[in-house]
Amino acid sequence: MNENMLPKDADLYQRIEEVVHYIWDPIGVSGMPQARDEYHSYMTAIYGRVQAGNLEDIVEYLKWAASENMGLSFDKEKAIEAAKVMLDWKEFINENS
């Protein structure tokens, strides 16, 4: 996360990071506190896509990350659920900042 982010952007980044870890979690590490940083390398790209607000683009990136980059099977329903929650957080934070 960039220390120069506005507070609302830092809040959104943190919420997205939580969604990625606890909801999307393609490798199944959400129950392991020591694995909290497992998805950090994907966060900049995910955050940017959430800021752009395009659900399909977020899901496509999650698909690429899971299947192409990690070599795992892709759970489309879980990716859509995670993307929707990320966008809901974006809307909530923007409305309440």
PDB file of N, CA and C in Angstrom:
ATOM      1  N   MET A   1       0.845  -1.177   0.000  1.00  0.00           N
ATOM      2  CA  MET A   1       0.000   0.000   0.000  1.00  0.00           C
ATOM      3  C   MET A   1       0.890   1.240   0.000  1.00  0.00           C
ATOM      4  N   ASN A   2       0.455   2.243  -0.693  1.00  0.00           N
ATOM      5  CA  ASN A   2       1.180   3.495  -0.791  1.00  0.00           C
ATOM      6  C   ASN A   2       0.854   4.379   0.407  1.00  0.00           C
ATOM      7  N   GLU A   3       1.893   4.798   1.132  1.00  0.00           N
ATOM      8  CA  GLU A   3       1.674   5.657   2.308  1.00  0.00           C
ATOM      9  C   GLU A   3       1.138   7.028   1.918  1.00  0.00           C
ATOM     10  N   ASN A   4       1.231   7.389   0.650  1.00  0.00           N
ATOM     11  CA  ASN A   4       0.764   8.692   0.191  1.00  0.00           C
ATOM     12  C   ASN A   4      -0.704   8.686  -0.237  1.00  0.00           C
ATOM     13  N   MET A   5      -1.376   7.559  -0.029  1.00  0.00           N
ATOM     14  CA  MET A   5      -2.794   7.480  -0.401  1.00  0.00           C
ATOM     15  C   MET A   5      -3.639   8.353   0.526  1.00  0.00           C
ATOM     16  N   LEU A   6      -4.719   8.848  -0.032  1.00  0.00           N
ATOM     17  CA  LEU A   6      -5.710   9.522   0.798  1.00  0.00           C
ATOM     18  C   LEU A   6      -6.298   8.493   1.758  1.00  0.00           C
ATOM     19  N   PRO A   7      -6.777   8.924   2.921  1.00  0.00           N
ATOM     20  CA  PRO A   7      -7.337   7.969   3.884  1.00  0.00           C
ATOM     21  C   PRO A   7      -8.437   7.083   3.296  1.00  0.00           C
ATOM     22  N   LYS A   8      -9.316   7.645   2.479  1.00  0.00           N
ATOM     23  CA  LYS A   8     -10.388   6.821   1.914  1.00  0.00           C
ATOM     24  C   LYS A   8      -9.831   5.780   0.936  1.00  0.00           C
ATOM     25  N   ASP A   9      -8.771   6.128   0.203  1.00  0.00           N
ATOM     26  CA  ASP A   9      -8.149   5.171  -0.710  1.00  0.00           C
ATOM     27  C   ASP A   9      -7.416   4.073   0.052  1.00  0.00           C
ATOM     28  N   ALA A  10      -6.753   4.453   1.139  1.00  0.00           N
ATOM     29  CA  ALA A  10      -6.078   3.464   1.985  1.00  0.00           C
ATOM     30  C   ALA A  10      -7.094   2.520   2.618  1.00  0.00           C
ATOM     31  N   ASP A  11      -8.244   3.073   3.007  1.00  0.00           N
ATOM     32  CA  ASP A  11      -9.314   2.242   3.578  1.00  0.00           C
ATOM     33  C   ASP A  11      -9.820   1.247   2.536  1.00  0.00           C
ATOM     34  N   LEU A  12     -10.051   1.719   1.317  1.00  0.00           N
ATOM     35  CA  LEU A  12     -10.508   0.833   0.257  1.00  0.00           C
ATOM     36  C   LEU A  12      -9.466  -0.242  -0.031  1.00  0.00           C
ATOM     37  N   TYR A  13      -8.208   0.137  -0.102  1.00  0.00           N
ATOM     38  CA  TYR A  13      -7.133  -0.825  -0.346  1.00  0.00           C
ATOM     39  C   TYR A  13      -7.158  -1.922   0.723  1.00  0.00           C
ATOM     40  N   GLN A  14      -7.296  -1.526   1.969  1.00  0.00           N
ATOM     41  CA  GLN A  14      -7.331  -2.495   3.068  1.00  0.00           C
ATOM     42  C   GLN A  14      -8.536  -3.423   2.947  1.00  0.00           C
ATOM     43  N   ARG A  15      -9.692  -2.878   2.609  1.00  0.00           N
ATOM     44  CA  ARG A  15     -10.903  -3.703   2.456  1.00  0.00           C
ATOM     45  C   ARG A  15     -10.735  -4.693   1.303  1.00  0.00           C
ATOM     46  N   ILE A  16     -10.167  -4.225   0.201  1.00  0.00           N
ATOM     47  CA  ILE A  16      -9.932  -5.115  -0.943  1.00  0.00           C
ATOM     48  C   ILE A  16      -8.982  -6.233  -0.536  1.00  0.00           C
ATOM     49  N   GLU A  17      -7.939  -5.875   0.185  1.00  0.00           N
ATOM     50  CA  GLU A  17      -6.976  -6.877   0.643  1.00  0.00           C
ATOM     51  C   GLU A  17      -7.659  -7.940   1.507  1.00  0.00           C
ATOM     52  N   GLU A  18      -8.578  -7.521   2.352  1.00  0.00           N
ATOM     53  CA  GLU A  18      -9.325  -8.465   3.187  1.00  0.00           C
ATOM     54  C   GLU A  18     -10.227  -9.362   2.344  1.00  0.00           C
ATOM     55  N   VAL A  19     -10.892  -8.785   1.367  1.00  0.00           N
ATOM     56  CA  VAL A  19     -11.755  -9.575   0.479  1.00  0.00           C
ATOM     57  C   VAL A  19     -10.927 -10.599  -0.291  1.00  0.00           C
ATOM     58  N   VAL A  20      -9.802 -10.167  -0.806  1.00  0.00           N
ATOM     59  CA  VAL A  20      -8.922 -11.084  -1.550  1.00  0.00           C
ATOM     60  C   VAL A  20      -8.495 -12.243  -0.654  1.00  0.00           C
ATOM     61  N   HIS A  21      -8.100 -11.933   0.568  1.00  0.00           N
ATOM     62  CA  HIS A  21      -7.605 -12.971   1.480  1.00  0.00           C
ATOM     63  C   HIS A  21      -8.715 -13.883   2.011  1.00  0.00           C
ATOM     64  N   TYR A  22      -9.843 -13.310   2.374  1.00  0.00           N
ATOM     65  CA  TYR A  22     -10.873 -14.095   3.043  1.00  0.00           C
ATOM     66  C   TYR A  22     -11.976 -14.635   2.134  1.00  0.00           C
ATOM     67  N   ILE A  23     -12.238 -13.974   1.016  1.00  0.00           N
ATOM     68  CA  ILE A  23     -13.325 -14.431   0.140  1.00  0.00           C
ATOM     69  C   ILE A  23     -12.781 -15.082  -1.126  1.00  0.00           C
ATOM     70  N   TRP A  24     -11.926 -14.377  -1.867  1.00  0.00           N
ATOM     71  CA  TRP A  24     -11.415 -14.962  -3.110  1.00  0.00           C
ATOM     72  C   TRP A  24     -10.503 -16.141  -2.804  1.00  0.00           C
ATOM     73  N   ASP A  25      -9.444 -15.955  -2.098  1.00  0.00           N
ATOM     74  CA  ASP A  25      -8.541 -16.968  -1.535  1.00  0.00           C
ATOM     75  C   ASP A  25      -8.401 -18.253  -2.356  1.00  0.00           C
ATOM     76  N   PRO A  26      -7.871 -18.183  -3.571  1.00  0.00           N
ATOM     77  CA  PRO A  26      -7.814 -19.383  -4.414  1.00  0.00           C
ATOM     78  C   PRO A  26      -6.894 -20.491  -3.893  1.00  0.00           C
ATOM     79  N   ILE A  27      -5.927 -20.161  -3.051  1.00  0.00           N
ATOM     80  CA  ILE A  27      -5.040 -21.217  -2.561  1.00  0.00           C
ATOM     81  C   ILE A  27      -5.435 -21.726  -1.180  1.00  0.00           C
ATOM     82  N   GLY A  28      -6.484 -21.151  -0.590  1.00  0.00           N
ATOM     83  CA  GLY A  28      -7.024 -21.668   0.659  1.00  0.00           C
ATOM     84  C   GLY A  28      -6.193 -21.364   1.894  1.00  0.00           C
ATOM     85  N   VAL A  29      -5.715 -20.132   2.025  1.00  0.00           N
ATOM     86  CA  VAL A  29      -4.900 -19.767   3.183  1.00  0.00           C
ATOM     87  C   VAL A  29      -5.595 -18.809   4.149  1.00  0.00           C
ATOM     88  N   SER A  30      -6.877 -18.586   3.966  1.00  0.00           N
ATOM     89  CA  SER A  30      -7.558 -17.572   4.784  1.00  0.00           C
ATOM     90  C   SER A  30      -7.539 -17.883   6.276  1.00  0.00           C
ATOM     91  N   GLY A  31      -7.371 -19.131   6.634  1.00  0.00           N
ATOM     92  CA  GLY A  31      -7.317 -19.492   8.052  1.00  0.00           C
ATOM     93  C   GLY A  31      -5.927 -19.442   8.652  1.00  0.00           C
ATOM     94  N   MET A  32      -4.953 -18.989   7.893  1.00  0.00           N
ATOM     95  CA  MET A  32      -3.566 -18.961   8.362  1.00  0.00           C
ATOM     96  C   MET A  32      -3.077 -17.529   8.530  1.00  0.00           C
ATOM     97  N   PRO A  33      -2.956 -17.044   9.746  1.00  0.00           N
ATOM     98  CA  PRO A  33      -2.495 -15.662   9.962  1.00  0.00           C
ATOM     99  C   PRO A  33      -1.131 -15.384   9.330  1.00  0.00           C
ATOM    100  N   GLN A  34      -0.244 -16.367   9.313  1.00  0.00           N
ATOM    101  CA  GLN A  34       1.090 -16.154   8.761  1.00  0.00           C
ATOM    102  C   GLN A  34       1.076 -16.003   7.238  1.00  0.00           C
ATOM    103  N   ALA A  35      -0.055 -16.294   6.592  1.00  0.00           N
ATOM    104  CA  ALA A  35      -0.149 -16.183   5.134  1.00  0.00           C
ATOM    105  C   ALA A  35      -0.884 -14.921   4.702  1.00  0.00           C
ATOM    106  N   ARG A  36      -1.023 -13.973   5.593  1.00  0.00           N
ATOM    107  CA  ARG A  36      -1.784 -12.755   5.316  1.00  0.00           C
ATOM    108  C   ARG A  36      -1.248 -11.989   4.111  1.00  0.00           C
ATOM    109  N   ASP A  37       0.033 -12.133   3.811  1.00  0.00           N
ATOM    110  CA  ASP A  37       0.614 -11.388   2.695  1.00  0.00           C
ATOM    111  C   ASP A  37       0.707 -12.202   1.405  1.00  0.00           C
ATOM    112  N   GLU A  38       0.077 -13.340   1.362  1.00  0.00           N
ATOM    113  CA  GLU A  38       0.191 -14.259   0.224  1.00  0.00           C
ATOM    114  C   GLU A  38      -0.213 -13.629  -1.105  1.00  0.00           C
ATOM    115  N   TYR A  39      -1.177 -12.720  -1.094  1.00  0.00           N
ATOM    116  CA  TYR A  39      -1.700 -12.150  -2.340  1.00  0.00           C
ATOM    117  C   TYR A  39      -1.236 -10.704  -2.585  1.00  0.00           C
ATOM    118  N   HIS A  40      -0.258 -10.235  -1.815  1.00  0.00           N
ATOM    119  CA  HIS A  40       0.170  -8.836  -1.934  1.00  0.00           C
ATOM    120  C   HIS A  40       0.633  -8.468  -3.337  1.00  0.00           C
ATOM    121  N   SER A  41       1.249  -9.397  -4.042  1.00  0.00           N
ATOM    122  CA  SER A  41       1.758  -9.064  -5.376  1.00  0.00           C
ATOM    123  C   SER A  41       0.643  -8.781  -6.381  1.00  0.00           C
ATOM    124  N   TYR A  42      -0.576  -9.149  -6.052  1.00  0.00           N
ATOM    125  CA  TYR A  42      -1.718  -8.919  -6.950  1.00  0.00           C
ATOM    126  C   TYR A  42      -2.499  -7.652  -6.598  1.00  0.00           C
ATOM    127  N   MET A  43      -2.199  -7.075  -5.459  1.00  0.00           N
ATOM    128  CA  MET A  43      -3.045  -6.010  -4.927  1.00  0.00           C
ATOM    129  C   MET A  43      -3.073  -4.743  -5.780  1.00  0.00           C
ATOM    130  N   THR A  44      -1.959  -4.318  -6.315  1.00  0.00           N
ATOM    131  CA  THR A  44      -1.959  -3.087  -7.114  1.00  0.00           C
ATOM    132  C   THR A  44      -2.886  -3.227  -8.314  1.00  0.00           C
ATOM    133  N   ALA A  45      -2.801  -4.356  -8.993  1.00  0.00           N
ATOM    134  CA  ALA A  45      -3.646  -4.586 -10.170  1.00  0.00           C
ATOM    135  C   ALA A  45      -5.118  -4.704  -9.785  1.00  0.00           C
ATOM    136  N   ILE A  46      -5.394  -5.407  -8.705  1.00  0.00           N
ATOM    137  CA  ILE A  46      -6.788  -5.557  -8.265  1.00  0.00           C
ATOM    138  C   ILE A  46      -7.343  -4.207  -7.834  1.00  0.00           C
ATOM    139  N   TYR A  47      -6.574  -3.482  -7.034  1.00  0.00           N
ATOM    140  CA  TYR A  47      -7.011  -2.167  -6.563  1.00  0.00           C
ATOM    141  C   TYR A  47      -7.333  -1.243  -7.742  1.00  0.00           C
ATOM    142  N   GLY A  48      -6.472  -1.213  -8.725  1.00  0.00           N
ATOM    143  CA  GLY A  48      -6.704  -0.364  -9.894  1.00  0.00           C
ATOM    144  C   GLY A  48      -7.975  -0.739 -10.632  1.00  0.00           C
ATOM    145  N   ARG A  49      -8.233  -2.022 -10.739  1.00  0.00           N
ATOM    146  CA  ARG A  49      -9.446  -2.482 -11.428  1.00  0.00           C
ATOM    147  C   ARG A  49     -10.696  -2.160 -10.618  1.00  0.00           C
ATOM    148  N   VAL A  50     -10.589  -2.255  -9.315  1.00  0.00           N
ATOM    149  CA  VAL A  50     -11.737  -1.883  -8.471  1.00  0.00           C
ATOM    150  C   VAL A  50     -11.988  -0.384  -8.600  1.00  0.00           C
ATOM    151  N   GLN A  51     -10.945   0.413  -8.585  1.00  0.00           N
ATOM    152  CA  GLN A  51     -11.120   1.862  -8.751  1.00  0.00           C
ATOM    153  C   GLN A  51     -11.780   2.179 -10.088  1.00  0.00           C
ATOM    154  N   ALA A  52     -11.456   1.418 -11.130  1.00  0.00           N
ATOM    155  CA  ALA A  52     -12.072   1.628 -12.443  1.00  0.00           C
ATOM    156  C   ALA A  52     -13.535   1.210 -12.439  1.00  0.00           C
ATOM    157  N   GLY A  53     -13.907   0.282 -11.550  1.00  0.00           N
ATOM    158  CA  GLY A  53     -15.301  -0.069 -11.347  1.00  0.00           C
ATOM    159  C   GLY A  53     -15.901  -1.066 -12.306  1.00  0.00           C
ATOM    160  N   ASN A  54     -15.085  -1.836 -13.021  1.00  0.00           N
ATOM    161  CA  ASN A  54     -15.616  -2.775 -14.006  1.00  0.00           C
ATOM    162  C   ASN A  54     -15.563  -4.204 -13.455  1.00  0.00           C
ATOM    163  N   LEU A  55     -16.715  -4.757 -13.124  1.00  0.00           N
ATOM    164  CA  LEU A  55     -16.818  -6.097 -12.537  1.00  0.00           C
ATOM    165  C   LEU A  55     -16.149  -7.145 -13.414  1.00  0.00           C
ATOM    166  N   GLU A  56     -16.435  -7.118 -14.710  1.00  0.00           N
ATOM    167  CA  GLU A  56     -15.888  -8.133 -15.611  1.00  0.00           C
ATOM    168  C   GLU A  56     -14.362  -8.071 -15.670  1.00  0.00           C
ATOM    169  N   ASP A  57     -13.814  -6.873 -15.635  1.00  0.00           N
ATOM    170  CA  ASP A  57     -12.363  -6.712 -15.672  1.00  0.00           C
ATOM    171  C   ASP A  57     -11.720  -7.280 -14.402  1.00  0.00           C
ATOM    172  N   ILE A  58     -12.347  -7.056 -13.266  1.00  0.00           N
ATOM    173  CA  ILE A  58     -11.846  -7.608 -12.005  1.00  0.00           C
ATOM    174  C   ILE A  58     -11.861  -9.125 -12.063  1.00  0.00           C
ATOM    175  N   VAL A  59     -12.978  -9.687 -12.497  1.00  0.00           N
ATOM    176  CA  VAL A  59     -13.117 -11.142 -12.570  1.00  0.00           C
ATOM    177  C   VAL A  59     -12.101 -11.729 -13.546  1.00  0.00           C
ATOM    178  N   GLU A  60     -11.903 -11.086 -14.682  1.00  0.00           N
ATOM    179  CA  GLU A  60     -10.909 -11.571 -15.653  1.00  0.00           C
ATOM    180  C   GLU A  60      -9.503 -11.563 -15.068  1.00  0.00           C
ATOM    181  N   TYR A  61      -9.182 -10.526 -14.313  1.00  0.00           N
ATOM    182  CA  TYR A  61      -7.860 -10.481 -13.688  1.00  0.00           C
ATOM    183  C   TYR A  61      -7.722 -11.596 -12.647  1.00  0.00           C
ATOM    184  N   LEU A  62      -8.758 -11.803 -11.846  1.00  0.00           N
ATOM    185  CA  LEU A  62      -8.717 -12.875 -10.846  1.00  0.00           C
ATOM    186  C   LEU A  62      -8.575 -14.232 -11.537  1.00  0.00           C
ATOM    187  N   LYS A  63      -9.223 -14.379 -12.684  1.00  0.00           N
ATOM    188  CA  LYS A  63      -9.092 -15.613 -13.458  1.00  0.00           C
ATOM    189  C   LYS A  63      -7.648 -15.801 -13.911  1.00  0.00           C
ATOM    190  N   TRP A  64      -7.073 -14.750 -14.481  1.00  0.00           N
ATOM    191  CA  TRP A  64      -5.680 -14.832 -14.914  1.00  0.00           C
ATOM    192  C   TRP A  64      -4.765 -15.175 -13.740  1.00  0.00           C
ATOM    193  N   ALA A  65      -4.958 -14.482 -12.624  1.00  0.00           N
ATOM    194  CA  ALA A  65      -4.081 -14.699 -11.468  1.00  0.00           C
ATOM    195  C   ALA A  65      -4.155 -16.134 -10.981  1.00  0.00           C
ATOM    196  N   ALA A  66      -5.370 -16.659 -10.849  1.00  0.00           N
ATOM    197  CA  ALA A  66      -5.540 -18.022 -10.329  1.00  0.00           C
ATOM    198  C   ALA A  66      -5.086 -19.074 -11.332  1.00  0.00           C
ATOM    199  N   SER A  67      -5.577 -18.980 -12.563  1.00  0.00           N
ATOM    200  CA  SER A  67      -5.323 -20.071 -13.510  1.00  0.00           C
ATOM    201  C   SER A  67      -3.983 -19.946 -14.226  1.00  0.00           C
ATOM    202  N   GLU A  68      -3.663 -18.789 -14.733  1.00  0.00           N
ATOM    203  CA  GLU A  68      -2.434 -18.620 -15.503  1.00  0.00           C
ATOM    204  C   GLU A  68      -1.210 -18.425 -14.613  1.00  0.00           C
ATOM    205  N   ASN A  69      -1.334 -17.598 -13.605  1.00  0.00           N
ATOM    206  CA  ASN A  69      -0.168 -17.267 -12.799  1.00  0.00           C
ATOM    207  C   ASN A  69       0.078 -18.274 -11.667  1.00  0.00           C
ATOM    208  N   MET A  70      -0.983 -18.707 -11.006  1.00  0.00           N
ATOM    209  CA  MET A  70      -0.832 -19.647  -9.896  1.00  0.00           C
ATOM    210  C   MET A  70      -0.964 -21.106 -10.329  1.00  0.00           C
ATOM    211  N   GLY A  71      -1.527 -21.331 -11.512  1.00  0.00           N
ATOM    212  CA  GLY A  71      -1.703 -22.693 -12.004  1.00  0.00           C
ATOM    213  C   GLY A  71      -2.804 -23.465 -11.302  1.00  0.00           C
ATOM    214  N   LEU A  72      -3.813 -22.747 -10.819  1.00  0.00           N
ATOM    215  CA  LEU A  72      -4.919 -23.360 -10.092  1.00  0.00           C
ATOM    216  C   LEU A  72      -6.188 -23.345 -10.931  1.00  0.00           C
ATOM    217  N   SER A  73      -7.167 -24.120 -10.504  1.00  0.00           N
ATOM    218  CA  SER A  73      -8.463 -24.056 -11.176  1.00  0.00           C
ATOM    219  C   SER A  73      -9.134 -22.734 -10.796  1.00  0.00           C
ATOM    220  N   PHE A  74      -9.991 -22.265 -11.677  1.00  0.00           N
ATOM    221  CA  PHE A  74     -10.657 -20.980 -11.481  1.00  0.00           C
ATOM    222  C   PHE A  74     -12.075 -21.191 -10.997  1.00  0.00           C
ATOM    223  N   ASP A  75     -12.401 -20.580  -9.871  1.00  0.00           N
ATOM    224  CA  ASP A  75     -13.744 -20.637  -9.308  1.00  0.00           C
ATOM    225  C   ASP A  75     -14.447 -19.326  -9.655  1.00  0.00           C
ATOM    226  N   LYS A  76     -15.191 -19.343 -10.760  1.00  0.00           N
ATOM    227  CA  LYS A  76     -15.815 -18.118 -11.258  1.00  0.00           C
ATOM    228  C   LYS A  76     -16.802 -17.522 -10.267  1.00  0.00           C
ATOM    229  N   GLU A  77     -17.605 -18.369  -9.619  1.00  0.00           N
ATOM    230  CA  GLU A  77     -18.586 -17.850  -8.658  1.00  0.00           C
ATOM    231  C   GLU A  77     -17.909 -17.122  -7.504  1.00  0.00           C
ATOM    232  N   LYS A  78     -16.820 -17.689  -7.001  1.00  0.00           N
ATOM    233  CA  LYS A  78     -16.092 -17.062  -5.902  1.00  0.00           C
ATOM    234  C   LYS A  78     -15.459 -15.750  -6.357  1.00  0.00           C
ATOM    235  N   ALA A  79     -14.948 -15.724  -7.584  1.00  0.00           N
ATOM    236  CA  ALA A  79     -14.354 -14.501  -8.115  1.00  0.00           C
ATOM    237  C   ALA A  79     -15.405 -13.413  -8.291  1.00  0.00           C
ATOM    238  N   ILE A  80     -16.569 -13.781  -8.791  1.00  0.00           N
ATOM    239  CA  ILE A  80     -17.650 -12.804  -8.955  1.00  0.00           C
ATOM    240  C   ILE A  80     -18.103 -12.292  -7.595  1.00  0.00           C
ATOM    241  N   GLU A  81     -18.258 -13.189  -6.640  1.00  0.00           N
ATOM    242  CA  GLU A  81     -18.644 -12.771  -5.287  1.00  0.00           C
ATOM    243  C   GLU A  81     -17.628 -11.790  -4.711  1.00  0.00           C
ATOM    244  N   ALA A  82     -16.350 -12.123  -4.825  1.00  0.00           N
ATOM    245  CA  ALA A  82     -15.304 -11.250  -4.293  1.00  0.00           C
ATOM    246  C   ALA A  82     -15.314  -9.900  -5.006  1.00  0.00           C
ATOM    247  N   ALA A  83     -15.437  -9.895  -6.323  1.00  0.00           N
ATOM    248  CA  ALA A  83     -15.451  -8.646  -7.085  1.00  0.00           C
ATOM    249  C   ALA A  83     -16.639  -7.773  -6.687  1.00  0.00           C
ATOM    250  N   LYS A  84     -17.793  -8.383  -6.498  1.00  0.00           N
ATOM    251  CA  LYS A  84     -18.971  -7.618  -6.077  1.00  0.00           C
ATOM    252  C   LYS A  84     -18.775  -6.999  -4.703  1.00  0.00           C
ATOM    253  N   VAL A  85     -18.192  -7.751  -3.783  1.00  0.00           N
ATOM    254  CA  VAL A  85     -17.945  -7.216  -2.440  1.00  0.00           C
ATOM    255  C   VAL A  85     -16.939  -6.064  -2.510  1.00  0.00           C
ATOM    256  N   MET A  86     -15.910  -6.205  -3.332  1.00  0.00           N
ATOM    257  CA  MET A  86     -14.939  -5.118  -3.490  1.00  0.00           C
ATOM    258  C   MET A  86     -15.611  -3.854  -4.015  1.00  0.00           C
ATOM    259  N   LEU A  87     -16.462  -4.020  -5.018  1.00  0.00           N
ATOM    260  CA  LEU A  87     -17.161  -2.861  -5.579  1.00  0.00           C
ATOM    261  C   LEU A  87     -18.158  -2.269  -4.587  1.00  0.00           C
ATOM    262  N   ASP A  88     -18.785  -3.122  -3.788  1.00  0.00           N
ATOM    263  CA  ASP A  88     -19.673  -2.621  -2.731  1.00  0.00           C
ATOM    264  C   ASP A  88     -18.898  -1.794  -1.718  1.00  0.00           C
ATOM    265  N   TRP A  89     -17.697  -2.246  -1.344  1.00  0.00           N
ATOM    266  CA  TRP A  89     -16.852  -1.474  -0.432  1.00  0.00           C
ATOM    267  C   TRP A  89     -16.481  -0.136  -1.058  1.00  0.00           C
ATOM    268  N   LYS A  90     -16.142  -0.148  -2.323  1.00  0.00           N
ATOM    269  CA  LYS A  90     -15.788   1.099  -3.005  1.00  0.00           C
ATOM    270  C   LYS A  90     -16.940   2.092  -2.932  1.00  0.00           C
ATOM    271  N   GLU A  91     -18.129   1.614  -3.258  1.00  0.00           N
ATOM    272  CA  GLU A  91     -19.302   2.482  -3.224  1.00  0.00           C
ATOM    273  C   GLU A  91     -19.567   3.005  -1.810  1.00  0.00           C
ATOM    274  N   PHE A  92     -19.492   2.117  -0.834  1.00  0.00           N
ATOM    275  CA  PHE A  92     -19.743   2.504   0.555  1.00  0.00           C
ATOM    276  C   PHE A  92     -18.739   3.556   1.024  1.00  0.00           C
ATOM    277  N   ILE A  93     -17.468   3.318   0.765  1.00  0.00           N
ATOM    278  CA  ILE A  93     -16.425   4.261   1.203  1.00  0.00           C
ATOM    279  C   ILE A  93     -16.580   5.602   0.498  1.00  0.00           C
ATOM    280  N   ASN A  94     -16.852   5.576  -0.800  1.00  0.00           N
ATOM    281  CA  ASN A  94     -17.024   6.835  -1.527  1.00  0.00           C
ATOM    282  C   ASN A  94     -18.235   7.624  -1.044  1.00  0.00           C
ATOM    283  N   GLU A  95     -19.297   6.924  -0.673  1.00  0.00           N
ATOM    284  CA  GLU A  95     -20.497   7.608  -0.191  1.00  0.00           C
ATOM    285  C   GLU A  95     -20.328   8.156   1.221  1.00  0.00           C
ATOM    286  N   ASN A  96     -19.444   7.578   1.982  1.00  0.00           N
ATOM    287  CA  ASN A  96     -19.304   7.952   3.392  1.00  0.00           C
ATOM    288  C   ASN A  96     -17.997   8.664   3.704  1.00  0.00           C
ATOM    289  N   SER A  97     -17.328   9.161   2.700  1.00  0.00           N
ATOM    290  CA  SER A  97     -16.052   9.882   2.936  1.00  0.00           C
ATOM    291  C   SER A  97     -16.249  11.363   2.784  1.00  0.00           C
TER     292      SER A  97
END
